[in-house]
């Protein structure tokens, strides 16, 4: 990724894994960078991203559960926040 619109210096380099699933040889093992225009193409291209969270503010509740030795509630609250964030990411996509 270039540092600015002049596209003269690299600001960040992203590394992506190729698909790991077995495929016939004539099918490409794609990765995210395959969908970005290469620098030598001369085209300006952009990368979009989003982030979701569902765990803001749970630390005090987790600490309370742990202080009460209620490991089950602590684990369940963290798992619920994690699964909710994943579900939100899926619906946003």
PDB file of N, CA and C in Angstrom:
ATOM      1  N   UNK A   1       0.860  -1.162   0.000  1.00  0.00           N
ATOM      2  CA  UNK A   1       0.000   0.000   0.000  1.00  0.00           C
ATOM      3  C   UNK A   1       0.904   1.220   0.000  1.00  0.00           C
ATOM      4  N   UNK A   2       0.554   2.185  -0.835  1.00  0.00           N
ATOM      5  CA  UNK A   2       1.353   3.401  -0.912  1.00  0.00           C
ATOM      6  C   UNK A   2       1.048   4.332   0.255  1.00  0.00           C
ATOM      7  N   UNK A   3       2.008   5.162   0.585  1.00  0.00           N
ATOM      8  CA  UNK A   3       1.883   6.071   1.728  1.00  0.00           C
ATOM      9  C   UNK A   3       0.873   7.183   1.473  1.00  0.00           C
ATOM     10  N   UNK A   4       0.728   7.616   0.207  1.00  0.00           N
ATOM     11  CA  UNK A   4      -0.195   8.700  -0.100  1.00  0.00           C
ATOM     12  C   UNK A   4      -0.620   8.618  -1.561  1.00  0.00           C
ATOM     13  N   UNK A   5      -1.387   9.592  -2.001  1.00  0.00           N
ATOM     14  CA  UNK A   5      -1.934   9.591  -3.367  1.00  0.00           C
ATOM     15  C   UNK A   5      -0.878   9.739  -4.457  1.00  0.00           C
ATOM     16  N   UNK A   6       0.322  10.196  -4.109  1.00  0.00           N
ATOM     17  CA  UNK A   6       1.368  10.308  -5.135  1.00  0.00           C
ATOM     18  C   UNK A   6       1.856   8.935  -5.573  1.00  0.00           C
ATOM     19  N   UNK A   7       1.641   7.944  -4.735  1.00  0.00           N
ATOM     20  CA  UNK A   7       2.035   6.561  -5.010  1.00  0.00           C
ATOM     21  C   UNK A   7       3.535   6.420  -5.299  1.00  0.00           C
ATOM     22  N   UNK A   8       4.327   7.197  -4.577  1.00  0.00           N
ATOM     23  CA  UNK A   8       5.772   7.159  -4.777  1.00  0.00           C
ATOM     24  C   UNK A   8       6.500   6.332  -3.724  1.00  0.00           C
ATOM     25  N   UNK A   9       5.940   6.240  -2.523  1.00  0.00           N
ATOM     26  CA  UNK A   9       6.604   5.454  -1.482  1.00  0.00           C
ATOM     27  C   UNK A   9       5.615   4.487  -0.841  1.00  0.00           C
ATOM     28  N   UNK A  10       6.140   3.329  -0.505  1.00  0.00           N
ATOM     29  CA  UNK A  10       5.322   2.289   0.119  1.00  0.00           C
ATOM     30  C   UNK A  10       5.157   2.610   1.599  1.00  0.00           C
ATOM     31  N   UNK A  11       3.920   2.658   2.045  1.00  0.00           N
ATOM     32  CA  UNK A  11       3.639   2.941   3.444  1.00  0.00           C
ATOM     33  C   UNK A  11       3.423   1.684   4.264  1.00  0.00           C
ATOM     34  N   UNK A  12       2.937   0.638   3.610  1.00  0.00           N
ATOM     35  CA  UNK A  12       2.606  -0.608   4.305  1.00  0.00           C
ATOM     36  C   UNK A  12       2.579  -1.740   3.305  1.00  0.00           C
ATOM     37  N   UNK A  13       3.076  -2.876   3.697  1.00  0.00           N
ATOM     38  CA  UNK A  13       3.039  -4.052   2.836  1.00  0.00           C
ATOM     39  C   UNK A  13       2.169  -5.110   3.528  1.00  0.00           C
ATOM     40  N   UNK A  14       1.126  -5.540   2.843  1.00  0.00           N
ATOM     41  CA  UNK A  14       0.223  -6.566   3.383  1.00  0.00           C
ATOM     42  C   UNK A  14       0.616  -7.928   2.820  1.00  0.00           C
ATOM     43  N   UNK A  15       0.569  -8.933   3.663  1.00  0.00           N
ATOM     44  CA  UNK A  15       0.882 -10.298   3.242  1.00  0.00           C
ATOM     45  C   UNK A  15      -0.380 -11.139   3.373  1.00  0.00           C
ATOM     46  N   UNK A  16      -0.724 -11.850   2.322  1.00  0.00           N
ATOM     47  CA  UNK A  16      -1.932 -12.666   2.319  1.00  0.00           C
ATOM     48  C   UNK A  16      -1.588 -14.103   1.949  1.00  0.00           C
ATOM     49  N   UNK A  17      -2.254 -15.031   2.595  1.00  0.00           N
ATOM     50  CA  UNK A  17      -2.083 -16.447   2.255  1.00  0.00           C
ATOM     51  C   UNK A  17      -2.916 -16.795   1.037  1.00  0.00           C
ATOM     52  N   UNK A  18      -2.423 -17.688   0.254  1.00  0.00           N
ATOM     53  CA  UNK A  18      -3.210 -18.222  -0.853  1.00  0.00           C
ATOM     54  C   UNK A  18      -4.167 -19.269  -0.301  1.00  0.00           C
ATOM     55  N   UNK A  19      -5.232 -19.543  -1.056  1.00  0.00           N
ATOM     56  CA  UNK A  19      -6.197 -20.555  -0.642  1.00  0.00           C
ATOM     57  C   UNK A  19      -5.457 -21.874  -0.393  1.00  0.00           C
ATOM     58  N   UNK A  20      -5.815 -22.540   0.665  1.00  0.00           N
ATOM     59  CA  UNK A  20      -5.145 -23.773   1.054  1.00  0.00           C
ATOM     60  C   UNK A  20      -5.909 -25.022   0.610  1.00  0.00           C
ATOM     61  N   UNK A  21      -7.121 -24.828   0.131  1.00  0.00           N
ATOM     62  CA  UNK A  21      -7.967 -25.939  -0.291  1.00  0.00           C
ATOM     63  C   UNK A  21      -7.406 -26.584  -1.572  1.00  0.00           C
ATOM     64  N   UNK A  22      -7.433 -27.901  -1.627  1.00  0.00           N
ATOM     65  CA  UNK A  22      -6.988 -28.592  -2.831  1.00  0.00           C
ATOM     66  C   UNK A  22      -7.911 -28.267  -3.989  1.00  0.00           C
ATOM     67  N   UNK A  23      -7.295 -27.943  -5.131  1.00  0.00           N
ATOM     68  CA  UNK A  23      -8.057 -27.611  -6.326  1.00  0.00           C
ATOM     69  C   UNK A  23      -7.395 -28.280  -7.524  1.00  0.00           C
ATOM     70  N   UNK A  24      -8.161 -28.445  -8.601  1.00  0.00           N
ATOM     71  CA  UNK A  24      -7.535 -28.935  -9.830  1.00  0.00           C
ATOM     72  C   UNK A  24      -6.446 -27.961 -10.290  1.00  0.00           C
ATOM     73  N   UNK A  25      -5.446 -28.455 -10.985  1.00  0.00           N
ATOM     74  CA  UNK A  25      -4.305 -27.642 -11.374  1.00  0.00           C
ATOM     75  C   UNK A  25      -4.698 -26.429 -12.226  1.00  0.00           C
ATOM     76  N   UNK A  26      -5.769 -26.529 -13.010  1.00  0.00           N
ATOM     77  CA  UNK A  26      -6.172 -25.404 -13.861  1.00  0.00           C
ATOM     78  C   UNK A  26      -6.871 -24.283 -13.084  1.00  0.00           C
ATOM     79  N   UNK A  27      -7.199 -24.514 -11.819  1.00  0.00           N
ATOM     80  CA  UNK A  27      -7.820 -23.481 -10.986  1.00  0.00           C
ATOM     81  C   UNK A  27      -6.765 -22.822 -10.109  1.00  0.00           C
ATOM     82  N   UNK A  28      -6.792 -21.503 -10.090  1.00  0.00           N
ATOM     83  CA  UNK A  28      -5.800 -20.748  -9.319  1.00  0.00           C
ATOM     84  C   UNK A  28      -6.061 -20.844  -7.818  1.00  0.00           C
ATOM     85  N   UNK A  29      -4.990 -20.793  -7.045  1.00  0.00           N
ATOM     86  CA  UNK A  29      -5.065 -20.692  -5.590  1.00  0.00           C
ATOM     87  C   UNK A  29      -5.039 -19.187  -5.288  1.00  0.00           C
ATOM     88  N   UNK A  30      -6.199 -18.569  -5.197  1.00  0.00           N
ATOM     89  CA  UNK A  30      -6.299 -17.116  -5.080  1.00  0.00           C
ATOM     90  C   UNK A  30      -5.976 -16.613  -3.671  1.00  0.00           C
ATOM     91  N   UNK A  31      -5.642 -15.336  -3.606  1.00  0.00           N
ATOM     92  CA  UNK A  31      -5.517 -14.636  -2.328  1.00  0.00           C
ATOM     93  C   UNK A  31      -6.029 -13.214  -2.531  1.00  0.00           C
ATOM     94  N   UNK A  32      -6.171 -12.461  -1.455  1.00  0.00           N
ATOM     95  CA  UNK A  32      -6.741 -11.116  -1.546  1.00  0.00           C
ATOM     96  C   UNK A  32      -5.964 -10.201  -2.483  1.00  0.00           C
ATOM     97  N   UNK A  33      -4.651 -10.332  -2.509  1.00  0.00           N
ATOM     98  CA  UNK A  33      -3.863  -9.432  -3.356  1.00  0.00           C
ATOM     99  C   UNK A  33      -4.109  -9.671  -4.841  1.00  0.00           C
ATOM    100  N   UNK A  34      -4.691 -10.790  -5.231  1.00  0.00           N
ATOM    101  CA  UNK A  34      -5.029 -11.033  -6.630  1.00  0.00           C
ATOM    102  C   UNK A  34      -6.145 -10.104  -7.115  1.00  0.00           C
ATOM    103  N   UNK A  35      -6.838  -9.458  -6.203  1.00  0.00           N
ATOM    104  CA  UNK A  35      -7.949  -8.591  -6.561  1.00  0.00           C
ATOM    105  C   UNK A  35      -7.589  -7.103  -6.492  1.00  0.00           C
ATOM    106  N   UNK A  36      -6.301  -6.810  -6.342  1.00  0.00           N
ATOM    107  CA  UNK A  36      -5.809  -5.437  -6.319  1.00  0.00           C
ATOM    108  C   UNK A  36      -4.975  -5.215  -7.578  1.00  0.00           C
ATOM    109  N   UNK A  37      -5.187  -4.080  -8.233  1.00  0.00           N
ATOM    110  CA  UNK A  37      -4.432  -3.784  -9.456  1.00  0.00           C
ATOM    111  C   UNK A  37      -2.943  -3.690  -9.139  1.00  0.00           C
ATOM    112  N   UNK A  38      -2.096  -4.369  -9.916  1.00  0.00           N
ATOM    113  CA  UNK A  38      -0.655  -4.272  -9.676  1.00  0.00           C
ATOM    114  C   UNK A  38      -0.140  -2.859  -9.959  1.00  0.00           C
ATOM    115  N   UNK A  39       0.919  -2.464  -9.285  1.00  0.00           N
ATOM    116  CA  UNK A  39       1.479  -1.114  -9.442  1.00  0.00           C
ATOM    117  C   UNK A  39       1.832  -0.825 -10.896  1.00  0.00           C
ATOM    118  N   UNK A  40       2.379  -1.810 -11.613  1.00  0.00           N
ATOM    119  CA  UNK A  40       2.795  -1.586 -12.997  1.00  0.00           C
ATOM    120  C   UNK A  40       1.617  -1.403 -13.957  1.00  0.00           C
ATOM    121  N   UNK A  41       0.385  -1.635 -13.497  1.00  0.00           N
ATOM    122  CA  UNK A  41      -0.779  -1.446 -14.367  1.00  0.00           C
ATOM    123  C   UNK A  41      -1.069   0.039 -14.596  1.00  0.00           C
ATOM    124  N   UNK A  42      -0.574   0.899 -13.689  1.00  0.00           N
ATOM    125  CA  UNK A  42      -0.827   2.328 -13.812  1.00  0.00           C
ATOM    126  C   UNK A  42      -2.182   2.759 -13.280  1.00  0.00           C
ATOM    127  N   UNK A  43      -3.015   1.810 -12.886  1.00  0.00           N
ATOM    128  CA  UNK A  43      -4.346   2.133 -12.351  1.00  0.00           C
ATOM    129  C   UNK A  43      -4.263   2.430 -10.863  1.00  0.00           C
ATOM    130  N   UNK A  44      -4.978   3.447 -10.431  1.00  0.00           N
ATOM    131  CA  UNK A  44      -5.106   3.707  -8.998  1.00  0.00           C
ATOM    132  C   UNK A  44      -6.128   2.711  -8.452  1.00  0.00           C
ATOM    133  N   UNK A  45      -5.776   2.015  -7.401  1.00  0.00           N
ATOM    134  CA  UNK A  45      -6.684   1.046  -6.805  1.00  0.00           C
ATOM    135  C   UNK A  45      -6.702   1.281  -5.303  1.00  0.00           C
ATOM    136  N   UNK A  46      -7.736   0.806  -4.652  1.00  0.00           N
ATOM    137  CA  UNK A  46      -7.915   1.063  -3.234  1.00  0.00           C
ATOM    138  C   UNK A  46      -8.294  -0.219  -2.514  1.00  0.00           C
ATOM    139  N   UNK A  47      -7.992  -0.262  -1.234  1.00  0.00           N
ATOM    140  CA  UNK A  47      -8.342  -1.396  -0.384  1.00  0.00           C
ATOM    141  C   UNK A  47      -9.317  -0.887   0.668  1.00  0.00           C
ATOM    142  N   UNK A  48     -10.441  -1.557   0.814  1.00  0.00           N
ATOM    143  CA  UNK A  48     -11.405  -1.209   1.850  1.00  0.00           C
ATOM    144  C   UNK A  48     -11.341  -2.215   2.984  1.00  0.00           C
ATOM    145  N   UNK A  49     -11.671  -1.793   4.160  1.00  0.00           N
ATOM    146  CA  UNK A  49     -11.676  -2.688   5.315  1.00  0.00           C
ATOM    147  C   UNK A  49     -12.727  -2.198   6.312  1.00  0.00           C
ATOM    148  N   UNK A  50     -13.155  -3.107   7.149  1.00  0.00           N
ATOM    149  CA  UNK A  50     -14.064  -2.727   8.221  1.00  0.00           C
ATOM    150  C   UNK A  50     -13.725  -3.557   9.451  1.00  0.00           C
ATOM    151  N   UNK A  51     -14.156  -3.089  10.588  1.00  0.00           N
ATOM    152  CA  UNK A  51     -13.927  -3.807  11.837  1.00  0.00           C
ATOM    153  C   UNK A  51     -15.216  -3.783  12.651  1.00  0.00           C
ATOM    154  N   UNK A  52     -15.468  -4.855  13.354  1.00  0.00           N
ATOM    155  CA  UNK A  52     -16.619  -4.918  14.248  1.00  0.00           C
ATOM    156  C   UNK A  52     -16.148  -5.380  15.625  1.00  0.00           C
ATOM    157  N   UNK A  53     -16.887  -5.013  16.628  1.00  0.00           N
ATOM    158  CA  UNK A  53     -16.590  -5.469  17.975  1.00  0.00           C
ATOM    159  C   UNK A  53     -17.899  -5.633  18.735  1.00  0.00           C
ATOM    160  N   UNK A  54     -17.867  -6.474  19.730  1.00  0.00           N
ATOM    161  CA  UNK A  54     -19.038  -6.652  20.579  1.00  0.00           C
ATOM    162  C   UNK A  54     -18.618  -6.820  22.038  1.00  0.00           C
ATOM    163  N   UNK A  55     -17.362  -6.481  22.336  1.00  0.00           N
ATOM    164  CA  UNK A  55     -16.867  -6.725  23.681  1.00  0.00           C
ATOM    165  C   UNK A  55     -16.507  -5.491  24.474  1.00  0.00           C
ATOM    166  N   UNK A  56     -16.868  -4.325  23.983  1.00  0.00           N
ATOM    167  CA  UNK A  56     -16.513  -3.101  24.705  1.00  0.00           C
ATOM    168  C   UNK A  56     -17.284  -3.047  26.024  1.00  0.00           C
ATOM    169  N   UNK A  57     -16.557  -2.897  27.105  1.00  0.00           N
ATOM    170  CA  UNK A  57     -17.178  -2.760  28.414  1.00  0.00           C
ATOM    171  C   UNK A  57     -17.378  -4.057  29.189  1.00  0.00           C
ATOM    172  N   UNK A  58     -16.944  -5.195  28.630  1.00  0.00           N
ATOM    173  CA  UNK A  58     -17.178  -6.451  29.353  1.00  0.00           C
ATOM    174  C   UNK A  58     -16.102  -6.749  30.397  1.00  0.00           C
ATOM    175  N   UNK A  59     -14.998  -5.995  30.373  1.00  0.00           N
ATOM    176  CA  UNK A  59     -13.882  -6.296  31.277  1.00  0.00           C
ATOM    177  C   UNK A  59     -14.301  -6.279  32.744  1.00  0.00           C
ATOM    178  N   UNK A  60     -15.109  -5.305  33.120  1.00  0.00           N
ATOM    179  CA  UNK A  60     -15.521  -5.223  34.533  1.00  0.00           C
ATOM    180  C   UNK A  60     -16.411  -6.406  34.911  1.00  0.00           C
ATOM    181  N   UNK A  61     -17.239  -6.842  33.976  1.00  0.00           N
ATOM    182  CA  UNK A  61     -18.100  -7.998  34.249  1.00  0.00           C
ATOM    183  C   UNK A  61     -17.271  -9.277  34.336  1.00  0.00           C
ATOM    184  N   UNK A  62     -16.301  -9.422  33.437  1.00  0.00           N
ATOM    185  CA  UNK A  62     -15.418 -10.596  33.478  1.00  0.00           C
ATOM    186  C   UNK A  62     -14.642 -10.606  34.786  1.00  0.00           C
ATOM    187  N   UNK A  63     -14.113  -9.448  35.200  1.00  0.00           N
ATOM    188  CA  UNK A  63     -13.368  -9.364  36.462  1.00  0.00           C
ATOM    189  C   UNK A  63     -14.254  -9.730  37.649  1.00  0.00           C
ATOM    190  N   UNK A  64     -15.505  -9.283  37.613  1.00  0.00           N
ATOM    191  CA  UNK A  64     -16.443  -9.617  38.697  1.00  0.00           C
ATOM    192  C   UNK A  64     -16.682 -11.123  38.747  1.00  0.00           C
ATOM    193  N   UNK A  65     -16.924 -11.732  37.598  1.00  0.00           N
ATOM    194  CA  UNK A  65     -17.140 -13.181  37.562  1.00  0.00           C
ATOM    195  C   UNK A  65     -15.902 -13.927  38.070  1.00  0.00           C
ATOM    196  N   UNK A  66     -14.721 -13.467  37.639  1.00  0.00           N
ATOM    197  CA  UNK A  66     -13.494 -14.144  38.060  1.00  0.00           C
ATOM    198  C   UNK A  66     -13.245 -13.965  39.555  1.00  0.00           C
ATOM    199  N   UNK A  67     -13.587 -12.796  40.101  1.00  0.00           N
ATOM    200  CA  UNK A  67     -13.448 -12.559  41.540  1.00  0.00           C
ATOM    201  C   UNK A  67     -14.374 -13.464  42.347  1.00  0.00           C
ATOM    202  N   UNK A  68     -15.508 -13.823  41.740  1.00  0.00           N
ATOM    203  CA  UNK A  68     -16.469 -14.726  42.381  1.00  0.00           C
ATOM    204  C   UNK A  68     -16.153 -16.194  42.065  1.00  0.00           C
ATOM    205  N   UNK A  69     -15.034 -16.426  41.378  1.00  0.00           N
ATOM    206  CA  UNK A  69     -14.634 -17.781  40.959  1.00  0.00           C
ATOM    207  C   UNK A  69     -15.711 -18.435  40.085  1.00  0.00           C
ATOM    208  N   UNK A  70     -16.383 -17.599  39.302  1.00  0.00           N
ATOM    209  CA  UNK A  70     -17.425 -18.071  38.391  1.00  0.00           C
ATOM    210  C   UNK A  70     -16.827 -18.150  36.977  1.00  0.00           C
ATOM    211  N   UNK A  71     -15.974 -19.167  36.797  1.00  0.00           N
ATOM    212  CA  UNK A  71     -15.289 -19.324  35.508  1.00  0.00           C
ATOM    213  C   UNK A  71     -16.263 -19.533  34.365  1.00  0.00           C
ATOM    214  N   UNK A  72     -17.338 -20.252  34.621  1.00  0.00           N
ATOM    215  CA  UNK A  72     -18.317 -20.537  33.561  1.00  0.00           C
ATOM    216  C   UNK A  72     -18.888 -19.237  32.987  1.00  0.00           C
ATOM    217  N   UNK A  73     -19.358 -18.338  33.839  1.00  0.00           N
ATOM    218  CA  UNK A  73     -19.939 -17.078  33.367  1.00  0.00           C
ATOM    219  C   UNK A  73     -18.897 -16.213  32.662  1.00  0.00           C
ATOM    220  N   UNK A  74     -17.669 -16.207  33.173  1.00  0.00           N
ATOM    221  CA  UNK A  74     -16.600 -15.443  32.551  1.00  0.00           C
ATOM    222  C   UNK A  74     -16.327 -15.948  31.135  1.00  0.00           C
ATOM    223  N   UNK A  75     -16.190 -17.256  30.998  1.00  0.00           N
ATOM    224  CA  UNK A  75     -15.929 -17.853  29.686  1.00  0.00           C
ATOM    225  C   UNK A  75     -17.106 -17.635  28.749  1.00  0.00           C
ATOM    226  N   UNK A  76     -18.318 -17.795  29.253  1.00  0.00           N
ATOM    227  CA  UNK A  76     -19.507 -17.637  28.408  1.00  0.00           C
ATOM    228  C   UNK A  76     -19.661 -16.192  27.926  1.00  0.00           C
ATOM    229  N   UNK A  77     -19.383 -15.213  28.782  1.00  0.00           N
ATOM    230  CA  UNK A  77     -19.492 -13.820  28.374  1.00  0.00           C
ATOM    231  C   UNK A  77     -18.474 -13.501  27.281  1.00  0.00           C
ATOM    232  N   UNK A  78     -17.236 -13.964  27.440  1.00  0.00           N
ATOM    233  CA  UNK A  78     -16.213 -13.736  26.419  1.00  0.00           C
ATOM    234  C   UNK A  78     -16.576 -14.448  25.118  1.00  0.00           C
ATOM    235  N   UNK A  79     -17.076 -15.671  25.216  1.00  0.00           N
ATOM    236  CA  UNK A  79     -17.468 -16.421  24.019  1.00  0.00           C
ATOM    237  C   UNK A  79     -18.648 -15.750  23.318  1.00  0.00           C
ATOM    238  N   UNK A  80     -19.596 -15.254  24.079  1.00  0.00           N
ATOM    239  CA  UNK A  80     -20.749 -14.565  23.495  1.00  0.00           C
ATOM    240  C   UNK A  80     -20.305 -13.312  22.737  1.00  0.00           C
ATOM    241  N   UNK A  81     -19.425 -12.523  23.331  1.00  0.00           N
ATOM    242  CA  UNK A  81     -18.920 -11.315  22.658  1.00  0.00           C
ATOM    243  C   UNK A  81     -18.166 -11.691  21.387  1.00  0.00           C
ATOM    244  N   UNK A  82     -17.368 -12.748  21.449  1.00  0.00           N
ATOM    245  CA  UNK A  82     -16.603 -13.205  20.289  1.00  0.00           C
ATOM    246  C   UNK A  82     -17.530 -13.661  19.163  1.00  0.00           C
ATOM    247  N   UNK A  83     -18.507 -14.484  19.485  1.00  0.00           N
ATOM    248  CA  UNK A  83     -19.440 -14.994  18.469  1.00  0.00           C
ATOM    249  C   UNK A  83     -20.310 -13.888  17.895  1.00  0.00           C
ATOM    250  N   UNK A  84     -20.712 -12.935  18.716  1.00  0.00           N
ATOM    251  CA  UNK A  84     -21.518 -11.822  18.238  1.00  0.00           C
ATOM    252  C   UNK A  84     -20.711 -10.960  17.257  1.00  0.00           C
ATOM    253  N   UNK A  85     -19.443 -10.713  17.559  1.00  0.00           N
ATOM    254  CA  UNK A  85     -18.581  -9.942  16.650  1.00  0.00           C
ATOM    255  C   UNK A  85     -18.434 -10.691  15.321  1.00  0.00           C
ATOM    256  N   UNK A  86     -18.236 -12.002  15.382  1.00  0.00           N
ATOM    257  CA  UNK A  86     -18.136 -12.795  14.149  1.00  0.00           C
ATOM    258  C   UNK A  86     -19.421 -12.736  13.337  1.00  0.00           C
ATOM    259  N   UNK A  87     -20.548 -12.813  14.017  1.00  0.00           N
ATOM    260  CA  UNK A  87     -21.838 -12.768  13.306  1.00  0.00           C
ATOM    261  C   UNK A  87     -22.056 -11.397  12.665  1.00  0.00           C
ATOM    262  N   UNK A  88     -21.676 -10.341  13.368  1.00  0.00           N
ATOM    263  CA  UNK A  88     -21.795  -8.996  12.802  1.00  0.00           C
ATOM    264  C   UNK A  88     -20.895  -8.835  11.580  1.00  0.00           C
ATOM    265  N   UNK A  89     -19.712  -9.413  11.630  1.00  0.00           N
ATOM    266  CA  UNK A  89     -18.807  -9.344  10.480  1.00  0.00           C
ATOM    267  C   UNK A  89     -19.414 -10.066   9.283  1.00  0.00           C
ATOM    268  N   UNK A  90     -20.070 -11.173   9.515  1.00  0.00           N
ATOM    269  CA  UNK A  90     -20.688 -11.930   8.418  1.00  0.00           C
ATOM    270  C   UNK A  90     -21.858 -11.174   7.800  1.00  0.00           C
ATOM    271  N   UNK A  91     -22.645 -10.490   8.628  1.00  0.00           N
ATOM    272  CA  UNK A  91     -23.795  -9.771   8.068  1.00  0.00           C
ATOM    273  C   UNK A  91     -23.364  -8.491   7.374  1.00  0.00           C
ATOM    274  N   UNK A  92     -22.216  -7.920   7.763  1.00  0.00           N
ATOM    275  CA  UNK A  92     -21.714  -6.709   7.129  1.00  0.00           C
ATOM    276  C   UNK A  92     -21.101  -6.988   5.776  1.00  0.00           C
ATOM    277  N   UNK A  93     -20.649  -8.206   5.572  1.00  0.00           N
ATOM    278  CA  UNK A  93     -19.933  -8.552   4.336  1.00  0.00           C
ATOM    279  C   UNK A  93     -20.822  -8.723   3.188  1.00  0.00           C
TER     280      UNK A  93
END
